[in-house]
PDB file of N, CA and C in Angstrom:
ATOM      1  N   UNK A   1     -18.642  -8.954  10.512  1.00  0.00           N
ATOM      2  CA  UNK A   1     -18.190  -7.733   9.892  1.00  0.00           C
ATOM      3  C   UNK A   1     -18.436  -7.818   8.394  1.00  0.00           C
ATOM      4  N   UNK A   2     -18.963  -6.760   7.842  1.00  0.00           N
ATOM      5  CA  UNK A   2     -19.323  -6.734   6.425  1.00  0.00           C
ATOM      6  C   UNK A   2     -18.259  -5.966   5.636  1.00  0.00           C
ATOM      7  N   UNK A   3     -17.601  -6.650   4.709  1.00  0.00           N
ATOM      8  CA  UNK A   3     -16.535  -6.038   3.923  1.00  0.00           C
ATOM      9  C   UNK A   3     -17.017  -5.533   2.566  1.00  0.00           C
ATOM     10  N   UNK A   4     -18.314  -5.533   2.318  1.00  0.00           N
ATOM     11  CA  UNK A   4     -18.801  -5.095   1.012  1.00  0.00           C
ATOM     12  C   UNK A   4     -18.516  -3.617   0.776  1.00  0.00           C
ATOM     13  N   UNK A   5     -18.554  -2.798   1.804  1.00  0.00           N
ATOM     14  CA  UNK A   5     -18.243  -1.378   1.653  1.00  0.00           C
ATOM     15  C   UNK A   5     -16.801  -1.196   1.216  1.00  0.00           C
ATOM     16  N   UNK A   6     -15.905  -1.979   1.808  1.00  0.00           N
ATOM     17  CA  UNK A   6     -14.492  -1.876   1.447  1.00  0.00           C
ATOM     18  C   UNK A   6     -14.249  -2.352   0.027  1.00  0.00           C
ATOM     19  N   UNK A   7     -14.908  -3.427  -0.371  1.00  0.00           N
ATOM     20  CA  UNK A   7     -14.693  -3.939  -1.726  1.00  0.00           C
ATOM     21  C   UNK A   7     -15.285  -3.021  -2.786  1.00  0.00           C
ATOM     22  N   UNK A   8     -16.270  -2.220  -2.446  1.00  0.00           N
ATOM     23  CA  UNK A   8     -16.829  -1.262  -3.395  1.00  0.00           C
ATOM     24  C   UNK A   8     -15.830  -0.164  -3.722  1.00  0.00           C
ATOM     25  N   UNK A   9     -14.971   0.177  -2.776  1.00  0.00           N
ATOM     26  CA  UNK A   9     -14.025   1.279  -2.947  1.00  0.00           C
ATOM     27  C   UNK A   9     -12.609   0.804  -3.238  1.00  0.00           C
ATOM     28  N   UNK A  10     -12.413  -0.497  -3.366  1.00  0.00           N
ATOM     29  CA  UNK A  10     -11.088  -1.067  -3.597  1.00  0.00           C
ATOM     30  C   UNK A  10     -10.710  -0.879  -5.063  1.00  0.00           C
ATOM     31  N   UNK A  11      -9.574  -0.261  -5.297  1.00  0.00           N
ATOM     32  CA  UNK A  11      -9.093  -0.031  -6.658  1.00  0.00           C
ATOM     33  C   UNK A  11      -7.771  -0.776  -6.802  1.00  0.00           C
ATOM     34  N   UNK A  12      -7.772  -1.819  -7.613  1.00  0.00           N
ATOM     35  CA  UNK A  12      -6.606  -2.679  -7.759  1.00  0.00           C
ATOM     36  C   UNK A  12      -5.404  -1.917  -8.309  1.00  0.00           C
ATOM     37  N   UNK A  13      -5.633  -0.960  -9.183  1.00  0.00           N
ATOM     38  CA  UNK A  13      -4.535  -0.195  -9.769  1.00  0.00           C
ATOM     39  C   UNK A  13      -3.770   0.564  -8.693  1.00  0.00           C
ATOM     40  N   UNK A  14      -4.470   1.105  -7.717  1.00  0.00           N
ATOM     41  CA  UNK A  14      -3.818   1.858  -6.643  1.00  0.00           C
ATOM     42  C   UNK A  14      -2.974   0.921  -5.788  1.00  0.00           C
ATOM     43  N   UNK A  15      -3.485  -0.249  -5.471  1.00  0.00           N
ATOM     44  CA  UNK A  15      -2.730  -1.211  -4.658  1.00  0.00           C
ATOM     45  C   UNK A  15      -1.480  -1.666  -5.391  1.00  0.00           C
ATOM     46  N   UNK A  16      -1.609  -1.979  -6.666  1.00  0.00           N
ATOM     47  CA  UNK A  16      -0.451  -2.418  -7.451  1.00  0.00           C
ATOM     48  C   UNK A  16       0.569  -1.286  -7.576  1.00  0.00           C
ATOM     49  N   UNK A  17       0.107  -0.075  -7.793  1.00  0.00           N
ATOM     50  CA  UNK A  17       1.024   1.065  -7.875  1.00  0.00           C
ATOM     51  C   UNK A  17       1.768   1.262  -6.557  1.00  0.00           C
ATOM     52  N   UNK A  18       1.074   1.099  -5.443  1.00  0.00           N
ATOM     53  CA  UNK A  18       1.730   1.219  -4.137  1.00  0.00           C
ATOM     54  C   UNK A  18       2.734   0.092  -3.920  1.00  0.00           C
ATOM     55  N   UNK A  19       2.410  -1.106  -4.372  1.00  0.00           N
ATOM     56  CA  UNK A  19       3.370  -2.212  -4.295  1.00  0.00           C
ATOM     57  C   UNK A  19       4.633  -1.891  -5.089  1.00  0.00           C
ATOM     58  N   UNK A  20       4.473  -1.328  -6.262  1.00  0.00           N
ATOM     59  CA  UNK A  20       5.623  -0.976  -7.100  1.00  0.00           C
ATOM     60  C   UNK A  20       6.455   0.124  -6.438  1.00  0.00           C
ATOM     61  N   UNK A  21       5.802   1.139  -5.912  1.00  0.00           N
ATOM     62  CA  UNK A  21       6.527   2.229  -5.234  1.00  0.00           C
ATOM     63  C   UNK A  21       7.278   1.691  -4.023  1.00  0.00           C
ATOM     64  N   UNK A  22       6.646   0.832  -3.248  1.00  0.00           N
ATOM     65  CA  UNK A  22       7.309   0.235  -2.094  1.00  0.00           C
ATOM     66  C   UNK A  22       8.506  -0.601  -2.490  1.00  0.00           C
ATOM     67  N   UNK A  23       8.372  -1.352  -3.581  1.00  0.00           N
ATOM     68  CA  UNK A  23       9.488  -2.165  -4.071  1.00  0.00           C
ATOM     69  C   UNK A  23      10.640  -1.275  -4.514  1.00  0.00           C
ATOM     70  N   UNK A  24      10.324  -0.191  -5.186  1.00  0.00           N
ATOM     71  CA  UNK A  24      11.361   0.739  -5.639  1.00  0.00           C
ATOM     72  C   UNK A  24      12.070   1.373  -4.453  1.00  0.00           C
ATOM     73  N   UNK A  25      11.315   1.778  -3.443  1.00  0.00           N
ATOM     74  CA  UNK A  25      11.928   2.369  -2.250  1.00  0.00           C
ATOM     75  C   UNK A  25      12.849   1.370  -1.574  1.00  0.00           C
ATOM     76  N   UNK A  26      12.416   0.148  -1.470  1.00  0.00           N
ATOM     77  CA  UNK A  26      13.173  -0.883  -0.752  1.00  0.00           C
ATOM     78  C   UNK A  26      14.432  -1.308  -1.499  1.00  0.00           C
ATOM     79  N   UNK A  27      14.389  -1.348  -2.819  1.00  0.00           N
ATOM     80  CA  UNK A  27      15.477  -1.951  -3.579  1.00  0.00           C
ATOM     81  C   UNK A  27      16.311  -0.974  -4.407  1.00  0.00           C
ATOM     82  N   UNK A  28      16.068   0.313  -4.322  1.00  0.00           N
ATOM     83  CA  UNK A  28      16.868   1.285  -5.044  1.00  0.00           C
ATOM     84  C   UNK A  28      17.952   1.811  -4.121  1.00  0.00           C
ATOM     85  N   UNK A  29      19.155   1.908  -4.636  1.00  0.00           N
ATOM     86  CA  UNK A  29      20.293   2.241  -3.785  1.00  0.00           C
ATOM     87  C   UNK A  29      20.183   3.633  -3.168  1.00  0.00           C
ATOM     88  N   UNK A  30      19.765   4.637  -3.916  1.00  0.00           N
ATOM     89  CA  UNK A  30      19.710   5.973  -3.331  1.00  0.00           C
ATOM     90  C   UNK A  30      18.490   6.183  -2.437  1.00  0.00           C
ATOM     91  N   UNK A  31      17.492   5.318  -2.529  1.00  0.00           N
ATOM     92  CA  UNK A  31      16.338   5.399  -1.627  1.00  0.00           C
ATOM     93  C   UNK A  31      16.436   4.410  -0.469  1.00  0.00           C
ATOM     94  N   UNK A  32      17.470   3.590  -0.455  1.00  0.00           N
ATOM     95  CA  UNK A  32      17.595   2.576   0.593  1.00  0.00           C
ATOM     96  C   UNK A  32      17.891   3.182   1.954  1.00  0.00           C
ATOM     97  N   UNK A  33      18.189   4.477   2.001  1.00  0.00           N
ATOM     98  CA  UNK A  33      18.445   5.144   3.275  1.00  0.00           C
ATOM     99  C   UNK A  33      17.155   5.431   4.047  1.00  0.00           C
ATOM    100  N   UNK A  34      16.023   5.262   3.385  1.00  0.00           N
ATOM    101  CA  UNK A  34      14.732   5.461   4.046  1.00  0.00           C
ATOM    102  C   UNK A  34      14.503   4.283   4.990  1.00  0.00           C
ATOM    103  N   UNK A  35      14.237   4.554   6.271  1.00  0.00           N
ATOM    104  CA  UNK A  35      14.013   3.448   7.218  1.00  0.00           C
ATOM    105  C   UNK A  35      12.769   2.632   6.850  1.00  0.00           C
ATOM    106  N   UNK A  36      12.820   1.344   7.151  1.00  0.00           N
ATOM    107  CA  UNK A  36      11.688   0.458   6.849  1.00  0.00           C
ATOM    108  C   UNK A  36      10.407   0.898   7.546  1.00  0.00           C
ATOM    109  N   UNK A  37      10.529   1.527   8.707  1.00  0.00           N
ATOM    110  CA  UNK A  37       9.336   1.970   9.439  1.00  0.00           C
ATOM    111  C   UNK A  37       8.600   3.095   8.718  1.00  0.00           C
ATOM    112  N   UNK A  38       9.284   3.809   7.848  1.00  0.00           N
ATOM    113  CA  UNK A  38       8.659   4.928   7.150  1.00  0.00           C
ATOM    114  C   UNK A  38       7.963   4.513   5.852  1.00  0.00           C
ATOM    115  N   UNK A  39       8.253   3.335   5.348  1.00  0.00           N
ATOM    116  CA  UNK A  39       7.672   2.904   4.074  1.00  0.00           C
ATOM    117  C   UNK A  39       6.141   2.803   4.126  1.00  0.00           C
ATOM    118  N   UNK A  40       5.525   2.242   5.175  1.00  0.00           N
ATOM    119  CA  UNK A  40       4.049   2.229   5.205  1.00  0.00           C
ATOM    120  C   UNK A  40       3.428   3.624   5.208  1.00  0.00           C
ATOM    121  N   UNK A  41       4.064   4.572   5.859  1.00  0.00           N
ATOM    122  CA  UNK A  41       3.539   5.941   5.883  1.00  0.00           C
ATOM    123  C   UNK A  41       3.617   6.559   4.489  1.00  0.00           C
ATOM    124  N   UNK A  42       4.740   6.327   3.813  1.00  0.00           N
ATOM    125  CA  UNK A  42       4.902   6.839   2.449  1.00  0.00           C
ATOM    126  C   UNK A  42       3.860   6.219   1.523  1.00  0.00           C
ATOM    127  N   UNK A  43       3.650   4.899   1.658  1.00  0.00           N
ATOM    128  CA  UNK A  43       2.676   4.229   0.793  1.00  0.00           C
ATOM    129  C   UNK A  43       1.248   4.661   1.105  1.00  0.00           C
ATOM    130  N   UNK A  44       0.957   4.974   2.355  1.00  0.00           N
ATOM    131  CA  UNK A  44      -0.376   5.485   2.690  1.00  0.00           C
ATOM    132  C   UNK A  44      -0.606   6.833   2.005  1.00  0.00           C
ATOM    133  N   UNK A  45       0.410   7.684   2.011  1.00  0.00           N
ATOM    134  CA  UNK A  45       0.285   8.984   1.348  1.00  0.00           C
ATOM    135  C   UNK A  45       0.172   8.820  -0.163  1.00  0.00           C
ATOM    136  N   UNK A  46       0.979   7.938  -0.740  1.00  0.00           N
ATOM    137  CA  UNK A  46       0.921   7.686  -2.189  1.00  0.00           C
ATOM    138  C   UNK A  46      -0.445   7.119  -2.568  1.00  0.00           C
ATOM    139  N   UNK A  47      -0.949   6.178  -1.776  1.00  0.00           N
ATOM    140  CA  UNK A  47      -2.261   5.600  -2.046  1.00  0.00           C
ATOM    141  C   UNK A  47      -3.367   6.632  -1.956  1.00  0.00           C
ATOM    142  N   UNK A  48      -3.273   7.536  -0.986  1.00  0.00           N
ATOM    143  CA  UNK A  48      -4.289   8.578  -0.841  1.00  0.00           C
ATOM    144  C   UNK A  48      -4.308   9.495  -2.057  1.00  0.00           C
ATOM    145  N   UNK A  49      -3.130   9.895  -2.512  1.00  0.00           N
ATOM    146  CA  UNK A  49      -3.051  10.792  -3.667  1.00  0.00           C
ATOM    147  C   UNK A  49      -3.514  10.079  -4.942  1.00  0.00           C
ATOM    148  N   UNK A  50      -3.029   8.847  -5.146  1.00  0.00           N
ATOM    149  CA  UNK A  50      -3.416   8.113  -6.364  1.00  0.00           C
ATOM    150  C   UNK A  50      -4.913   7.845  -6.411  1.00  0.00           C
ATOM    151  N   UNK A  51      -5.486   7.455  -5.287  1.00  0.00           N
ATOM    152  CA  UNK A  51      -6.929   7.193  -5.288  1.00  0.00           C
ATOM    153  C   UNK A  51      -7.713   8.491  -5.456  1.00  0.00           C
ATOM    154  N   UNK A  52      -7.150   9.584  -4.997  1.00  0.00           N
ATOM    155  CA  UNK A  52      -7.794  10.866  -5.256  1.00  0.00           C
ATOM    156  C   UNK A  52      -7.877  11.157  -6.742  1.00  0.00           C
ATOM    157  N   UNK A  53      -6.788  10.852  -7.464  1.00  0.00           N
ATOM    158  CA  UNK A  53      -6.804  11.058  -8.914  1.00  0.00           C
ATOM    159  C   UNK A  53      -7.744  10.081  -9.611  1.00  0.00           C
ATOM    160  N   UNK A  54      -7.766   8.822  -9.147  1.00  0.00           N
ATOM    161  CA  UNK A  54      -8.569   7.802  -9.812  1.00  0.00           C
ATOM    162  C   UNK A  54     -10.052   7.980  -9.518  1.00  0.00           C
ATOM    163  N   UNK A  55     -10.392   8.199  -8.259  1.00  0.00           N
ATOM    164  CA  UNK A  55     -11.798   8.216  -7.841  1.00  0.00           C
ATOM    165  C   UNK A  55     -12.350   9.610  -7.599  1.00  0.00           C
ATOM    166  N   UNK A  56     -11.544  10.629  -7.761  1.00  0.00           N
ATOM    167  CA  UNK A  56     -11.993  11.986  -7.465  1.00  0.00           C
ATOM    168  C   UNK A  56     -11.610  12.357  -6.044  1.00  0.00           C
ATOM    169  N   UNK A  57     -11.231  13.606  -5.871  1.00  0.00           N
ATOM    170  CA  UNK A  57     -10.770  14.038  -4.553  1.00  0.00           C
ATOM    171  C   UNK A  57     -11.945  14.300  -3.627  1.00  0.00           C
ATOM    172  N   UNK A  58     -12.081  13.419  -2.665  1.00  0.00           N
ATOM    173  CA  UNK A  58     -13.021  13.600  -1.561  1.00  0.00           C
ATOM    174  C   UNK A  58     -12.376  12.977  -0.335  1.00  0.00           C
ATOM    175  N   UNK A  59     -12.881  13.306   0.811  1.00  0.00           N
ATOM    176  CA  UNK A  59     -12.301  12.760   2.041  1.00  0.00           C
ATOM    177  C   UNK A  59     -12.399  11.241   2.039  1.00  0.00           C
ATOM    178  N   UNK A  60     -13.512  10.731   1.570  1.00  0.00           N
ATOM    179  CA  UNK A  60     -13.719   9.284   1.550  1.00  0.00           C
ATOM    180  C   UNK A  60     -12.730   8.579   0.633  1.00  0.00           C
ATOM    181  N   UNK A  61     -12.515   9.112  -0.560  1.00  0.00           N
ATOM    182  CA  UNK A  61     -11.595   8.458  -1.485  1.00  0.00           C
ATOM    183  C   UNK A  61     -10.154   8.575  -1.005  1.00  0.00           C
ATOM    184  N   UNK A  62      -9.802   9.656  -0.348  1.00  0.00           N
ATOM    185  CA  UNK A  62      -8.446   9.808   0.184  1.00  0.00           C
ATOM    186  C   UNK A  62      -8.206   8.825   1.317  1.00  0.00           C
ATOM    187  N   UNK A  63      -9.190   8.641   2.187  1.00  0.00           N
ATOM    188  CA  UNK A  63      -9.049   7.683   3.287  1.00  0.00           C
ATOM    189  C   UNK A  63      -8.945   6.264   2.747  1.00  0.00           C
ATOM    190  N   UNK A  64      -9.793   5.919   1.790  1.00  0.00           N
ATOM    191  CA  UNK A  64      -9.713   4.579   1.203  1.00  0.00           C
ATOM    192  C   UNK A  64      -8.389   4.376   0.473  1.00  0.00           C
ATOM    193  N   UNK A  65      -7.869   5.416  -0.148  1.00  0.00           N
ATOM    194  CA  UNK A  65      -6.569   5.320  -0.796  1.00  0.00           C
ATOM    195  C   UNK A  65      -5.460   5.058   0.207  1.00  0.00           C
ATOM    196  N   UNK A  66      -5.510   5.729   1.345  1.00  0.00           N
ATOM    197  CA  UNK A  66      -4.516   5.486   2.389  1.00  0.00           C
ATOM    198  C   UNK A  66      -4.618   4.056   2.908  1.00  0.00           C
ATOM    199  N   UNK A  67      -5.828   3.557   3.046  1.00  0.00           N
ATOM    200  CA  UNK A  67      -6.024   2.164   3.483  1.00  0.00           C
ATOM    201  C   UNK A  67      -5.447   1.205   2.449  1.00  0.00           C
ATOM    202  N   UNK A  68      -5.638   1.512   1.167  1.00  0.00           N
ATOM    203  CA  UNK A  68      -5.083   0.638   0.127  1.00  0.00           C
ATOM    204  C   UNK A  68      -3.562   0.682   0.115  1.00  0.00           C
ATOM    205  N   UNK A  69      -2.971   1.838   0.401  1.00  0.00           N
ATOM    206  CA  UNK A  69      -1.517   1.925   0.506  1.00  0.00           C
ATOM    207  C   UNK A  69      -0.990   1.087   1.655  1.00  0.00           C
ATOM    208  N   UNK A  70      -1.669   1.137   2.784  1.00  0.00           N
ATOM    209  CA  UNK A  70      -1.275   0.304   3.927  1.00  0.00           C
ATOM    210  C   UNK A  70      -1.524  -1.170   3.639  1.00  0.00           C
ATOM    211  N   UNK A  71      -2.598  -1.460   2.924  1.00  0.00           N
ATOM    212  CA  UNK A  71      -2.889  -2.855   2.574  1.00  0.00           C
ATOM    213  C   UNK A  71      -1.820  -3.419   1.646  1.00  0.00           C
ATOM    214  N   UNK A  72      -1.257  -2.585   0.795  1.00  0.00           N
ATOM    215  CA  UNK A  72      -0.195  -3.071  -0.084  1.00  0.00           C
ATOM    216  C   UNK A  72       1.039  -3.460   0.725  1.00  0.00           C
ATOM    217  N   UNK A  73       1.292  -2.757   1.820  1.00  0.00           N
ATOM    218  CA  UNK A  73       2.401  -3.134   2.703  1.00  0.00           C
ATOM    219  C   UNK A  73       2.148  -4.495   3.329  1.00  0.00           C
ATOM    220  N   UNK A  74       0.951  -4.711   3.822  1.00  0.00           N
ATOM    221  CA  UNK A  74       0.599  -5.997   4.412  1.00  0.00           C
ATOM    222  C   UNK A  74       0.609  -7.114   3.390  1.00  0.00           C
ATOM    223  N   UNK A  75       0.158  -6.816   2.179  1.00  0.00           N
ATOM    224  CA  UNK A  75       0.167  -7.812   1.108  1.00  0.00           C
ATOM    225  C   UNK A  75       1.590  -8.214   0.758  1.00  0.00           C
ATOM    226  N   UNK A  76       2.486  -7.244   0.714  1.00  0.00           N
ATOM    227  CA  UNK A  76       3.886  -7.547   0.423  1.00  0.00           C
ATOM    228  C   UNK A  76       4.489  -8.419   1.521  1.00  0.00           C
ATOM    229  N   UNK A  77       4.209  -8.096   2.768  1.00  0.00           N
ATOM    230  CA  UNK A  77       4.743  -8.886   3.883  1.00  0.00           C
ATOM    231  C   UNK A  77       4.202 -10.310   3.861  1.00  0.00           C
ATOM    232  N   UNK A  78       2.912 -10.460   3.605  1.00  0.00           N
ATOM    233  CA  UNK A  78       2.315 -11.797   3.564  1.00  0.00           C
ATOM    234  C   UNK A  78       2.904 -12.615   2.421  1.00  0.00           C
ATOM    235  N   UNK A  79       3.066 -12.001   1.257  1.00  0.00           N
ATOM    236  CA  UNK A  79       3.624 -12.704   0.109  1.00  0.00           C
ATOM    237  C   UNK A  79       5.078 -13.093   0.371  1.00  0.00           C
ATOM    238  N   UNK A  80       5.850 -12.186   0.961  1.00  0.00           N
ATOM    239  CA  UNK A  80       7.259 -12.470   1.254  1.00  0.00           C
ATOM    240  C   UNK A  80       7.384 -13.624   2.238  1.00  0.00           C
ATOM    241  N   UNK A  81       6.589 -13.604   3.268  1.00  0.00           N
ATOM    242  CA  UNK A  81       6.648 -14.681   4.258  1.00  0.00           C
ATOM    243  C   UNK A  81       6.178 -16.009   3.669  1.00  0.00           C
ATOM    244  N   UNK A  82       5.227 -15.963   2.768  1.00  0.00           N
ATOM    245  CA  UNK A  82       4.751 -17.189   2.126  1.00  0.00           C
ATOM    246  C   UNK A  82       5.841 -17.775   1.225  1.00  0.00           C
ATOM    247  N   UNK A  83       6.458 -16.925   0.434  1.00  0.00           N
ATOM    248  CA  UNK A  83       7.486 -17.389  -0.504  1.00  0.00           C
ATOM    249  C   UNK A  83       8.714 -17.893   0.242  1.00  0.00           C
ATOM    250  N   UNK A  84       9.130 -17.169   1.271  1.00  0.00           N
ATOM    251  CA  UNK A  84      10.317 -17.555   2.024  1.00  0.00           C
ATOM    252  C   UNK A  84      10.018 -18.605   3.088  1.00  0.00           C
ATOM    253  N   UNK A  85       8.756 -18.940   3.248  1.00  0.00           N
ATOM    254  CA  UNK A  85       8.309 -19.944   4.227  1.00  0.00           C
ATOM    255  C   UNK A  85       8.773 -19.601   5.646  1.00  0.00           C
ATOM    256  N   UNK A  86       8.640 -18.325   5.994  1.00  0.00           N
ATOM    257  CA  UNK A  86       9.031 -17.865   7.324  1.00  0.00           C
ATOM    258  C   UNK A  86       7.797 -17.793   8.222  1.00  0.00           C
ATOM    259  N   UNK A  87       8.042 -18.023   9.504  1.00  0.00           N
ATOM    260  CA  UNK A  87       6.991 -17.865  10.496  1.00  0.00           C
ATOM    261  C   UNK A  87       7.491 -16.909  11.569  1.00  0.00           C
ATOM    262  N   UNK A  88       6.572 -16.257  12.257  1.00  0.00           N
ATOM    263  CA  UNK A  88       6.945 -15.388  13.368  1.00  0.00           C
ATOM    264  C   UNK A  88       7.529 -16.204  14.498  1.00  0.00           C
ATOM    265  N   UNK A  89       8.587 -15.712  15.037  1.00  0.00           N
ATOM    266  CA  UNK A  89       9.211 -16.428  16.166  1.00  0.00           C
ATOM    267  C   UNK A  89       9.078 -15.629  17.421  1.00  0.00           C
TER     268      UNK A  89
END
């Protein structure tokens, strides 16, 4: 599988912004009522909109933005499990 297409459209600012938004949703008291299952969907939408602003609004940039929002969720989970030294049981 060739990931060069994905790396061409990867915007680090969008991923970091999605990580920050996800952290705010998770750790803010008035937003803590949002279920954990909804956070990836919210970050996909945020990533799509942010990448639209950064790269120009096209279907391709919106889809890649949504992928980056979802990737930020996976990145957060991987980092959390690494730091806490947890494994799937």
